[in-house]
Amino acid sequence: LVLALLTVAALTGGTFGALGRAVLGGLALAFVYRVLEFLNPAGMGF
């Protein structure tokens, strides 16, 4: 839902750089949280 709505915003506003950054930002933050969850599963849930 969020990705589709951001894609519409990129298509209508020409902000494709922001869309690419959004995807990379999601991957980056998920990766960081996955590492934290792996290192300390008691303090960070999946």
All heavy atoms as atom14 arrays in JSON, in Angstrom:
{
  "sequence": "LVLALLTVAALTGGTFGALGRAVLGGLALAFVYRVLEFLNPAGMGF",
  "atom14_mask": [
    [1, 1, 1, 1, 1, 1, 1, 1, 0, 0, 0, 0, 0, 0],
    [1, 1, 1, 1, 1, 1, 1, 0, 0, 0, 0, 0, 0, 0],
    [1, 1, 1, 1, 1, 1, 1, 1, 0, 0, 0, 0, 0, 0],
    [1, 1, 1, 1, 1, 0, 0, 0, 0, 0, 0, 0, 0, 0],
    [1, 1, 1, 1, 1, 1, 1, 1, 0, 0, 0, 0, 0, 0],
    [1, 1, 1, 1, 1, 1, 1, 1, 0, 0, 0, 0, 0, 0],
    [1, 1, 1, 1, 1, 1, 1, 0, 0, 0, 0, 0, 0, 0],
    [1, 1, 1, 1, 1, 1, 1, 0, 0, 0, 0, 0, 0, 0],
    [1, 1, 1, 1, 1, 0, 0, 0, 0, 0, 0, 0, 0, 0],
    [1, 1, 1, 1, 1, 0, 0, 0, 0, 0, 0, 0, 0, 0],
    [1, 1, 1, 1, 1, 1, 1, 1, 0, 0, 0, 0, 0, 0],
    [1, 1, 1, 1, 1, 1, 1, 0, 0, 0, 0, 0, 0, 0],
    [1, 1, 1, 1, 0, 0, 0, 0, 0, 0, 0, 0, 0, 0],
    [1, 1, 1, 1, 0, 0, 0, 0, 0, 0, 0, 0, 0, 0],
    [1, 1, 1, 1, 1, 1, 1, 0, 0, 0, 0, 0, 0, 0],
    [1, 1, 1, 1, 1, 1, 1, 1, 1, 1, 1, 0, 0, 0],
    [1, 1, 1, 1, 0, 0, 0, 0, 0, 0, 0, 0, 0, 0],
    [1, 1, 1, 1, 1, 0, 0, 0, 0, 0, 0, 0, 0, 0],
    [1, 1, 1, 1, 1, 1, 1, 1, 0, 0, 0, 0, 0, 0],
    [1, 1, 1, 1, 0, 0, 0, 0, 0, 0, 0, 0, 0, 0],
    [1, 1, 1, 1, 1, 1, 1, 1, 1, 1, 1, 0, 0, 0],
    [1, 1, 1, 1, 1, 0, 0, 0, 0, 0, 0, 0, 0, 0],
    [1, 1, 1, 1, 1, 1, 1, 0, 0, 0, 0, 0, 0, 0],
    [1, 1, 1, 1, 1, 1, 1, 1, 0, 0, 0, 0, 0, 0],
    [1, 1, 1, 1, 0, 0, 0, 0, 0, 0, 0, 0, 0, 0],
    [1, 1, 1, 1, 0, 0, 0, 0, 0, 0, 0, 0, 0, 0],
    [1, 1, 1, 1, 1, 1, 1, 1, 0, 0, 0, 0, 0, 0],
    [1, 1, 1, 1, 1, 0, 0, 0, 0, 0, 0, 0, 0, 0],
    [1, 1, 1, 1, 1, 1, 1, 1, 0, 0, 0, 0, 0, 0],
    [1, 1, 1, 1, 1, 0, 0, 0, 0, 0, 0, 0, 0, 0],
    [1, 1, 1, 1, 1, 1, 1, 1, 1, 1, 1, 0, 0, 0],
    [1, 1, 1, 1, 1, 1, 1, 0, 0, 0, 0, 0, 0, 0],
    [1, 1, 1, 1, 1, 1, 1, 1, 1, 1, 1, 1, 0, 0],
    [1, 1, 1, 1, 1, 1, 1, 1, 1, 1, 1, 0, 0, 0],
    [1, 1, 1, 1, 1, 1, 1, 0, 0, 0, 0, 0, 0, 0],
    [1, 1, 1, 1, 1, 1, 1, 1, 0, 0, 0, 0, 0, 0],
    [1, 1, 1, 1, 1, 1, 1, 1, 1, 0, 0, 0, 0, 0],
    [1, 1, 1, 1, 1, 1, 1, 1, 1, 1, 1, 0, 0, 0],
    [1, 1, 1, 1, 1, 1, 1, 1, 0, 0, 0, 0, 0, 0],
    [1, 1, 1, 1, 1, 1, 1, 1, 0, 0, 0, 0, 0, 0],
    [1, 1, 1, 1, 1, 1, 1, 0, 0, 0, 0, 0, 0, 0],
    [1, 1, 1, 1, 1, 0, 0, 0, 0, 0, 0, 0, 0, 0],
    [1, 1, 1, 1, 0, 0, 0, 0, 0, 0, 0, 0, 0, 0],
    [1, 1, 1, 1, 1, 1, 1, 1, 0, 0, 0, 0, 0, 0],
    [1, 1, 1, 1, 0, 0, 0, 0, 0, 0, 0, 0, 0, 0],
    [1, 1, 1, 1, 1, 1, 1, 1, 1, 1, 1, 0, 0, 0]
  ],
  "atom14_positions": [
    [[0.82, -1.21, 0.0], [0.0, 0.0, 0.0], [0.86, 1.26, 0.0], [0.67, 2.17, -0.82], [-0.93, 0.0, 1.21], [-2.13, -0.96, 1.15], [-2.85, -0.99, 2.48], [-3.08, -0.55, 0.03], [0.0, 0.0, 0.0], [0.0, 0.0, 0.0], [0.0, 0.0, 0.0], [0.0, 0.0, 0.0], [0.0, 0.0, 0.0], [0.0, 0.0, 0.0]],
    [[1.81, 1.32, 0.94], [2.67, 2.51, 1.03], [3.53, 2.64, -0.22], [3.69, 3.74, -0.77], [3.54, 2.46, 2.3], [4.57, 3.58, 2.3], [2.66, 2.55, 3.54], [0.0, 0.0, 0.0], [0.0, 0.0, 0.0], [0.0, 0.0, 0.0], [0.0, 0.0, 0.0], [0.0, 0.0, 0.0], [0.0, 0.0, 0.0], [0.0, 0.0, 0.0]],
    [[4.08, 1.53, -0.7], [4.94, 1.58, -1.88], [4.14, 2.02, -3.1], [4.61, 2.83, -3.91], [5.56, 0.21, -2.14], [6.51, 0.13, -3.34], [7.66, 1.12, -3.19], [7.06, -1.29, -3.49], [0.0, 0.0, 0.0], [0.0, 0.0, 0.0], [0.0, 0.0, 0.0], [0.0, 0.0, 0.0], [0.0, 0.0, 0.0], [0.0, 0.0, 0.0]],
    [[2.92, 1.51, -3.25], [2.08, 1.91, -4.39], [1.74, 3.39, -4.34], [1.8, 4.09, -5.37], [0.8, 1.07, -4.41], [0.0, 0.0, 0.0], [0.0, 0.0, 0.0], [0.0, 0.0, 0.0], [0.0, 0.0, 0.0], [0.0, 0.0, 0.0], [0.0, 0.0, 0.0], [0.0, 0.0, 0.0], [0.0, 0.0, 0.0], [0.0, 0.0, 0.0]],
    [[1.42, 3.89, -3.16], [1.06, 5.3, -3.03], [2.27, 6.21, -3.24], [2.16, 7.29, -3.82], [0.44, 5.55, -1.65], [-0.95, 4.91, -1.46], [-1.37, 4.98, -0.01], [-1.98, 5.57, -2.36], [0.0, 0.0, 0.0], [0.0, 0.0, 0.0], [0.0, 0.0, 0.0], [0.0, 0.0, 0.0], [0.0, 0.0, 0.0], [0.0, 0.0, 0.0]],
    [[3.44, 5.77, -2.79], [4.65, 6.55, -3.06], [5.0, 6.52, -4.54], [5.52, 7.5, -5.09], [5.82, 6.01, -2.23], [5.76, 6.27, -0.72], [6.97, 5.63, -0.02], [5.72, 7.77, -0.41], [0.0, 0.0, 0.0], [0.0, 0.0, 0.0], [0.0, 0.0, 0.0], [0.0, 0.0, 0.0], [0.0, 0.0, 0.0], [0.0, 0.0, 0.0]],
    [[4.72, 5.41, -5.2], [4.97, 5.31, -6.64], [4.07, 6.28, -7.39], [4.52, 6.95, -8.34], [4.73, 3.87, -7.13], [5.61, 2.97, -6.44], [4.98, 3.77, -8.63], [0.0, 0.0, 0.0], [0.0, 0.0, 0.0], [0.0, 0.0, 0.0], [0.0, 0.0, 0.0], [0.0, 0.0, 0.0], [0.0, 0.0, 0.0], [0.0, 0.0, 0.0]],
    [[2.81, 6.37, -6.98], [1.89, 7.34, -7.6], [2.41, 8.75, -7.39], [2.39, 9.59, -8.3], [0.48, 7.19, -6.99], [-0.42, 8.33, -7.47], [-0.13, 5.85, -7.37], [0.0, 0.0, 0.0], [0.0, 0.0, 0.0], [0.0, 0.0, 0.0], [0.0, 0.0, 0.0], [0.0, 0.0, 0.0], [0.0, 0.0, 0.0], [0.0, 0.0, 0.0]],
    [[2.91, 9.02, -6.19], [3.46, 10.35, -5.9], [4.68, 10.63, -6.79], [4.86, 11.75, -7.27], [3.85, 10.45, -4.43], [0.0, 0.0, 0.0], [0.0, 0.0, 0.0], [0.0, 0.0, 0.0], [0.0, 0.0, 0.0], [0.0, 0.0, 0.0], [0.0, 0.0, 0.0], [0.0, 0.0, 0.0], [0.0, 0.0, 0.0], [0.0, 0.0, 0.0]],
    [[5.51, 9.61, -7.01], [6.68, 9.78, -7.86], [6.29, 10.02, -9.31], [6.87, 10.86, -10.01], [7.59, 8.55, -7.75], [0.0, 0.0, 0.0], [0.0, 0.0, 0.0], [0.0, 0.0, 0.0], [0.0, 0.0, 0.0], [0.0, 0.0, 0.0], [0.0, 0.0, 0.0], [0.0, 0.0, 0.0], [0.0, 0.0, 0.0], [0.0, 0.0, 0.0]],
    [[5.27, 9.29, -9.78], [4.83, 9.42, -11.17], [4.2, 10.78, -11.43], [4.35, 11.35, -12.51], [3.83, 8.31, -11.5], [4.4, 6.9, -11.61], [3.27, 5.88, -11.72], [5.35, 6.79, -12.79], [0.0, 0.0, 0.0], [0.0, 0.0, 0.0], [0.0, 0.0, 0.0], [0.0, 0.0, 0.0], [0.0, 0.0, 0.0], [0.0, 0.0, 0.0]],
    [[3.49, 11.3, -10.46], [2.81, 12.58, -10.65], [3.7, 13.77, -10.34], [3.47, 14.87, -10.87], [1.56, 12.65, -9.75], [1.94, 12.45, -8.39], [0.54, 11.61, -10.16], [0.0, 0.0, 0.0], [0.0, 0.0, 0.0], [0.0, 0.0, 0.0], [0.0, 0.0, 0.0], [0.0, 0.0, 0.0], [0.0, 0.0, 0.0], [0.0, 0.0, 0.0]],
    [[4.72, 13.55, -9.51], [5.57, 14.66, -9.12], [6.98, 14.6, -9.68], [7.78, 15.51, -9.47], [0.0, 0.0, 0.0], [0.0, 0.0, 0.0], [0.0, 0.0, 0.0], [0.0, 0.0, 0.0], [0.0, 0.0, 0.0], [0.0, 0.0, 0.0], [0.0, 0.0, 0.0], [0.0, 0.0, 0.0], [0.0, 0.0, 0.0], [0.0, 0.0, 0.0]],
    [[7.29, 13.5, -10.39], [8.62, 13.37, -10.97], [9.72, 13.14, -9.95], [10.89, 13.4, -10.23], [0.0, 0.0, 0.0], [0.0, 0.0, 0.0], [0.0, 0.0, 0.0], [0.0, 0.0, 0.0], [0.0, 0.0, 0.0], [0.0, 0.0, 0.0], [0.0, 0.0, 0.0], [0.0, 0.0, 0.0], [0.0, 0.0, 0.0], [0.0, 0.0, 0.0]],
    [[9.35, 12.65, -8.77], [10.34, 12.46, -7.69], [10.81, 11.02, -7.65], [10.68, 10.33, -6.63], [9.73, 12.86, -6.34], [8.46, 12.2, -6.19], [9.54, 14.35, -6.24], [0.0, 0.0, 0.0], [0.0, 0.0, 0.0], [0.0, 0.0, 0.0], [0.0, 0.0, 0.0], [0.0, 0.0, 0.0], [0.0, 0.0, 0.0], [0.0, 0.0, 0.0]],
    [[11.38, 10.54, -8.76], [11.81, 9.14, -8.81], [13.03, 8.9, -7.93], [13.25, 7.78, -7.46], [12.1, 8.74, -10.25], [10.85, 8.62, -11.09], [10.5, 9.63, -11.97], [10.02, 7.52, -10.96], [9.34, 9.53, -12.72], [8.86, 7.42, -11.72], [8.52, 8.43, -12.6], [0.0, 0.0, 0.0], [0.0, 0.0, 0.0], [0.0, 0.0, 0.0]],
    [[13.81, 9.93, -7.71], [14.95, 9.79, -6.8], [14.47, 9.51, -5.39], [15.05, 8.68, -4.67], [0.0, 0.0, 0.0], [0.0, 0.0, 0.0], [0.0, 0.0, 0.0], [0.0, 0.0, 0.0], [0.0, 0.0, 0.0], [0.0, 0.0, 0.0], [0.0, 0.0, 0.0], [0.0, 0.0, 0.0], [0.0, 0.0, 0.0], [0.0, 0.0, 0.0]],
    [[13.39, 10.17, -4.98], [12.82, 9.94, -3.65], [12.26, 8.52, -3.54], [12.36, 7.88, -2.49], [11.73, 10.96, -3.36], [0.0, 0.0, 0.0], [0.0, 0.0, 0.0], [0.0, 0.0, 0.0], [0.0, 0.0, 0.0], [0.0, 0.0, 0.0], [0.0, 0.0, 0.0], [0.0, 0.0, 0.0], [0.0, 0.0, 0.0], [0.0, 0.0, 0.0]],
    [[11.67, 8.02, -4.62], [11.12, 6.67, -4.6], [12.23, 5.63, -4.45], [12.1, 4.69, -3.66], [10.33, 6.4, -5.88], [9.68, 5.02, -5.99], [8.68, 4.81, -4.87], [9.01, 4.85, -7.36], [0.0, 0.0, 0.0], [0.0, 0.0, 0.0], [0.0, 0.0, 0.0], [0.0, 0.0, 0.0], [0.0, 0.0, 0.0], [0.0, 0.0, 0.0]],
    [[13.3, 5.81, -5.19], [14.44, 4.9, -5.05], [15.03, 4.95, -3.65], [15.39, 3.92, -3.08], [0.0, 0.0, 0.0], [0.0, 0.0, 0.0], [0.0, 0.0, 0.0], [0.0, 0.0, 0.0], [0.0, 0.0, 0.0], [0.0, 0.0, 0.0], [0.0, 0.0, 0.0], [0.0, 0.0, 0.0], [0.0, 0.0, 0.0], [0.0, 0.0, 0.0]],
    [[15.12, 6.15, -3.12], [15.65, 6.31, -1.76], [14.73, 5.66, -0.73], [15.17, 5.1, 0.26], [15.83, 7.79, -1.45], [16.58, 8.07, -0.16], [16.85, 9.56, -0.01], [15.62, 10.35, -0.02], [15.34, 11.28, -0.92], [16.19, 11.55, -1.89], [14.2, 11.95, -0.87], [0.0, 0.0, 0.0], [0.0, 0.0, 0.0], [0.0, 0.0, 0.0]],
    [[13.4, 5.72, -1.0], [12.44, 5.09, -0.08], [12.65, 3.58, -0.03], [12.66, 2.98, 1.04], [11.02, 5.42, -0.52], [0.0, 0.0, 0.0], [0.0, 0.0, 0.0], [0.0, 0.0, 0.0], [0.0, 0.0, 0.0], [0.0, 0.0, 0.0], [0.0, 0.0, 0.0], [0.0, 0.0, 0.0], [0.0, 0.0, 0.0], [0.0, 0.0, 0.0]],
    [[12.83, 2.98, -1.2], [13.05, 1.53, -1.25], [14.35, 1.16, -0.54], [14.4, 0.22, 0.27], [13.07, 1.04, -2.71], [13.46, -0.43, -2.77], [11.7, 1.26, -3.36], [0.0, 0.0, 0.0], [0.0, 0.0, 0.0], [0.0, 0.0, 0.0], [0.0, 0.0, 0.0], [0.0, 0.0, 0.0], [0.0, 0.0, 0.0], [0.0, 0.0, 0.0]],
    [[15.41, 1.91, -0.84], [16.7, 1.64, -0.19], [16.62, 1.88, 1.31], [17.21, 1.14, 2.11], [17.79, 2.52, -0.8], [18.19, 2.19, -2.24], [19.2, 3.21, -2.76], [18.76, 0.78, -2.33], [0.0, 0.0, 0.0], [0.0, 0.0, 0.0], [0.0, 0.0, 0.0], [0.0, 0.0, 0.0], [0.0, 0.0, 0.0], [0.0, 0.0, 0.0]],
    [[15.88, 2.92, 1.7], [15.73, 3.21, 3.12], [15.01, 2.09, 3.85], [15.39, 1.72, 4.98], [0.0, 0.0, 0.0], [0.0, 0.0, 0.0], [0.0, 0.0, 0.0], [0.0, 0.0, 0.0], [0.0, 0.0, 0.0], [0.0, 0.0, 0.0], [0.0, 0.0, 0.0], [0.0, 0.0, 0.0], [0.0, 0.0, 0.0], [0.0, 0.0, 0.0]],
    [[13.98, 1.54, 3.22], [13.26, 0.43, 3.82], [14.15, -0.79, 3.98], [14.15, -1.45, 5.03], [0.0, 0.0, 0.0], [0.0, 0.0, 0.0], [0.0, 0.0, 0.0], [0.0, 0.0, 0.0], [0.0, 0.0, 0.0], [0.0, 0.0, 0.0], [0.0, 0.0, 0.0], [0.0, 0.0, 0.0], [0.0, 0.0, 0.0], [0.0, 0.0, 0.0]],
    [[14.93, -1.09, 2.94], [15.84, -2.23, 3.01], [16.92, -2.02, 4.06], [17.26, -2.94, 4.81], [16.48, -2.46, 1.63], [15.55, -2.94, 0.51], [16.28, -2.94, -0.82], [15.01, -4.34, 0.83], [0.0, 0.0, 0.0], [0.0, 0.0, 0.0], [0.0, 0.0, 0.0], [0.0, 0.0, 0.0], [0.0, 0.0, 0.0], [0.0, 0.0, 0.0]],
    [[17.46, -0.8, 4.11], [18.54, -0.51, 5.06], [18.07, -0.62, 6.5], [18.73, -1.25, 7.34], [19.1, 0.89, 4.8], [0.0, 0.0, 0.0], [0.0, 0.0, 0.0], [0.0, 0.0, 0.0], [0.0, 0.0, 0.0], [0.0, 0.0, 0.0], [0.0, 0.0, 0.0], [0.0, 0.0, 0.0], [0.0, 0.0, 0.0], [0.0, 0.0, 0.0]],
    [[16.91, -0.03, 6.8], [16.44, -0.07, 8.19], [16.03, -1.49, 8.59], [16.29, -1.92, 9.72], [15.26, 0.88, 8.37], [14.91, 1.22, 9.83], [16.1, 1.87, 10.53], [13.71, 2.14, 9.91], [0.0, 0.0, 0.0], [0.0, 0.0, 0.0], [0.0, 0.0, 0.0], [0.0, 0.0, 0.0], [0.0, 0.0, 0.0], [0.0, 0.0, 0.0]],
    [[15.42, -2.22, 7.67], [15.06, -3.61, 7.97], [16.3, -4.44, 8.22], [16.31, -5.32, 9.11], [14.25, -4.19, 6.81], [0.0, 0.0, 0.0], [0.0, 0.0, 0.0], [0.0, 0.0, 0.0], [0.0, 0.0, 0.0], [0.0, 0.0, 0.0], [0.0, 0.0, 0.0], [0.0, 0.0, 0.0], [0.0, 0.0, 0.0], [0.0, 0.0, 0.0]],
    [[17.36, -4.19, 7.46], [18.61, -4.93, 7.66], [19.2, -4.65, 9.04], [19.63, -5.56, 9.76], [19.63, -4.55, 6.57], [20.98, -5.17, 6.78], [21.2, -6.5, 6.48], [22.04, -4.42, 7.29], [22.46, -7.09, 6.68], [23.29, -4.98, 7.49], [23.49, -6.32, 7.18], [0.0, 0.0, 0.0], [0.0, 0.0, 0.0], [0.0, 0.0, 0.0]],
    [[19.22, -3.37, 9.43], [19.75, -2.99, 10.74], [18.95, -3.66, 11.86], [19.52, -4.23, 12.81], [19.73, -1.46, 10.92], [20.05, -1.08, 12.36], [20.73, -0.81, 9.97], [0.0, 0.0, 0.0], [0.0, 0.0, 0.0], [0.0, 0.0, 0.0], [0.0, 0.0, 0.0], [0.0, 0.0, 0.0], [0.0, 0.0, 0.0], [0.0, 0.0, 0.0]],
    [[17.63, -3.62, 11.74], [16.79, -4.23, 12.77], [16.95, -5.75, 12.78], [16.88, -6.37, 13.85], [15.33, -3.85, 12.54], [14.92, -2.59, 13.24], [15.33, -1.34, 12.77], [14.16, -2.62, 14.4], [14.97, -0.17, 13.42], [13.79, -1.46, 15.06], [14.2, -0.24, 14.56], [13.85, 0.92, 15.22], [0.0, 0.0, 0.0], [0.0, 0.0, 0.0]],
    [[17.14, -6.34, 11.62], [17.35, -7.8, 11.57], [18.64, -8.17, 12.28], [18.7, -9.19, 13.01], [17.39, -8.28, 10.12], [17.56, -9.79, 9.99], [16.36, -10.53, 10.57], [16.52, -11.97, 10.49], [17.05, -12.73, 11.45], [17.48, -12.16, 12.57], [17.15, -14.02, 11.31], [0.0, 0.0, 0.0], [0.0, 0.0, 0.0], [0.0, 0.0, 0.0]],
    [[19.67, -7.39, 12.09], [20.94, -7.64, 12.78], [20.76, -7.5, 14.3], [21.24, -8.33, 15.08], [22.04, -6.68, 12.28], [23.3, -6.79, 13.15], [22.38, -6.99, 10.83], [0.0, 0.0, 0.0], [0.0, 0.0, 0.0], [0.0, 0.0, 0.0], [0.0, 0.0, 0.0], [0.0, 0.0, 0.0], [0.0, 0.0, 0.0], [0.0, 0.0, 0.0]],
    [[20.06, -6.46, 14.71], [19.82, -6.25, 16.14], [18.98, -7.38, 16.72], [19.25, -7.84, 17.84], [19.09, -4.91, 16.35], [19.9, -3.65, 16.04], [19.01, -2.41, 16.17], [21.11, -3.53, 16.97], [0.0, 0.0, 0.0], [0.0, 0.0, 0.0], [0.0, 0.0, 0.0], [0.0, 0.0, 0.0], [0.0, 0.0, 0.0], [0.0, 0.0, 0.0]],
    [[18.0, -7.84, 15.97], [17.16, -8.94, 16.45], [17.97, -10.23, 16.55], [17.79, -11.03, 17.47], [15.97, -9.12, 15.5], [14.92, -10.11, 15.98], [15.17, -11.51, 15.48], [15.88, -11.66, 14.48], [14.64, -12.46, 16.08], [0.0, 0.0, 0.0], [0.0, 0.0, 0.0], [0.0, 0.0, 0.0], [0.0, 0.0, 0.0], [0.0, 0.0, 0.0]],
    [[18.88, -10.42, 15.61], [19.74, -11.62, 15.63], [20.7, -11.58, 16.82], [20.92, -12.6, 17.48], [20.54, -11.71, 14.33], [21.51, -12.85, 14.29], [21.06, -14.14, 14.04], [22.87, -12.63, 14.51], [21.97, -15.2, 14.01], [23.78, -13.69, 14.47], [23.32, -14.98, 14.23], [0.0, 0.0, 0.0], [0.0, 0.0, 0.0], [0.0, 0.0, 0.0]],
    [[21.25, -10.41, 17.1], [22.21, -10.28, 18.2], [21.53, -10.31, 19.57], [22.12, -10.79, 20.54], [22.99, -8.96, 18.05], [23.9, -8.87, 16.82], [24.53, -7.48, 16.73], [24.99, -9.94, 16.87], [0.0, 0.0, 0.0], [0.0, 0.0, 0.0], [0.0, 0.0, 0.0], [0.0, 0.0, 0.0], [0.0, 0.0, 0.0], [0.0, 0.0, 0.0]],
    [[20.3, -9.78, 19.64], [19.61, -9.7, 20.92], [18.13, -10.0, 20.73], [17.28, -9.1, 20.8], [19.81, -8.33, 21.55], [19.17, -8.22, 22.93], [18.97, -9.22, 23.62], [18.84, -7.0, 23.33], [0.0, 0.0, 0.0], [0.0, 0.0, 0.0], [0.0, 0.0, 0.0], [0.0, 0.0, 0.0], [0.0, 0.0, 0.0], [0.0, 0.0, 0.0]],
    [[17.77, -11.27, 20.51], [16.37, -11.61, 20.26], [15.45, -11.32, 21.44], [14.24, -11.15, 21.25], [16.42, -13.12, 19.95], [17.71, -13.58, 20.55], [18.66, -12.43, 20.42], [0.0, 0.0, 0.0], [0.0, 0.0, 0.0], [0.0, 0.0, 0.0], [0.0, 0.0, 0.0], [0.0, 0.0, 0.0], [0.0, 0.0, 0.0], [0.0, 0.0, 0.0]],
    [[16.02, -11.23, 22.64], [15.19, -10.93, 23.8], [14.78, -9.46, 23.84], [13.78, -9.09, 24.45], [15.94, -11.28, 25.09], [0.0, 0.0, 0.0], [0.0, 0.0, 0.0], [0.0, 0.0, 0.0], [0.0, 0.0, 0.0], [0.0, 0.0, 0.0], [0.0, 0.0, 0.0], [0.0, 0.0, 0.0], [0.0, 0.0, 0.0], [0.0, 0.0, 0.0]],
    [[15.56, -8.61, 23.19], [15.28, -7.19, 23.22], [14.63, -6.64, 21.97], [14.16, -5.51, 21.96], [0.0, 0.0, 0.0], [0.0, 0.0, 0.0], [0.0, 0.0, 0.0], [0.0, 0.0, 0.0], [0.0, 0.0, 0.0], [0.0, 0.0, 0.0], [0.0, 0.0, 0.0], [0.0, 0.0, 0.0], [0.0, 0.0, 0.0], [0.0, 0.0, 0.0]],
    [[14.6, -7.45, 20.91], [14.04, -7.0, 19.64], [13.27, -8.15, 19.01], [13.84, -9.22, 18.77], [15.16, -6.53, 18.71], [14.7, -6.01, 17.37], [13.97, -4.37, 17.49], [15.4, -3.4, 18.0], [0.0, 0.0, 0.0], [0.0, 0.0, 0.0], [0.0, 0.0, 0.0], [0.0, 0.0, 0.0], [0.0, 0.0, 0.0], [0.0, 0.0, 0.0]],
    [[12.0, -7.96, 18.75], [11.19, -9.01, 18.16], [11.2, -8.96, 16.65], [11.52, -7.94, 16.04], [0.0, 0.0, 0.0], [0.0, 0.0, 0.0], [0.0, 0.0, 0.0], [0.0, 0.0, 0.0], [0.0, 0.0, 0.0], [0.0, 0.0, 0.0], [0.0, 0.0, 0.0], [0.0, 0.0, 0.0], [0.0, 0.0, 0.0], [0.0, 0.0, 0.0]],
    [[10.81, -10.09, 16.03], [10.79, -10.13, 14.57], [9.67, -9.25, 14.02], [9.74, -8.79, 12.88], [10.63, -11.57, 14.08], [10.99, -11.74, 12.64], [12.24, -11.39, 12.17], [10.07, -12.25, 11.74], [12.58, -11.53, 10.83], [10.39, -12.39, 10.4], [11.65, -12.04, 9.95], [0.0, 0.0, 0.0], [0.0, 0.0, 0.0], [0.0, 0.0, 0.0]]
  ]
}
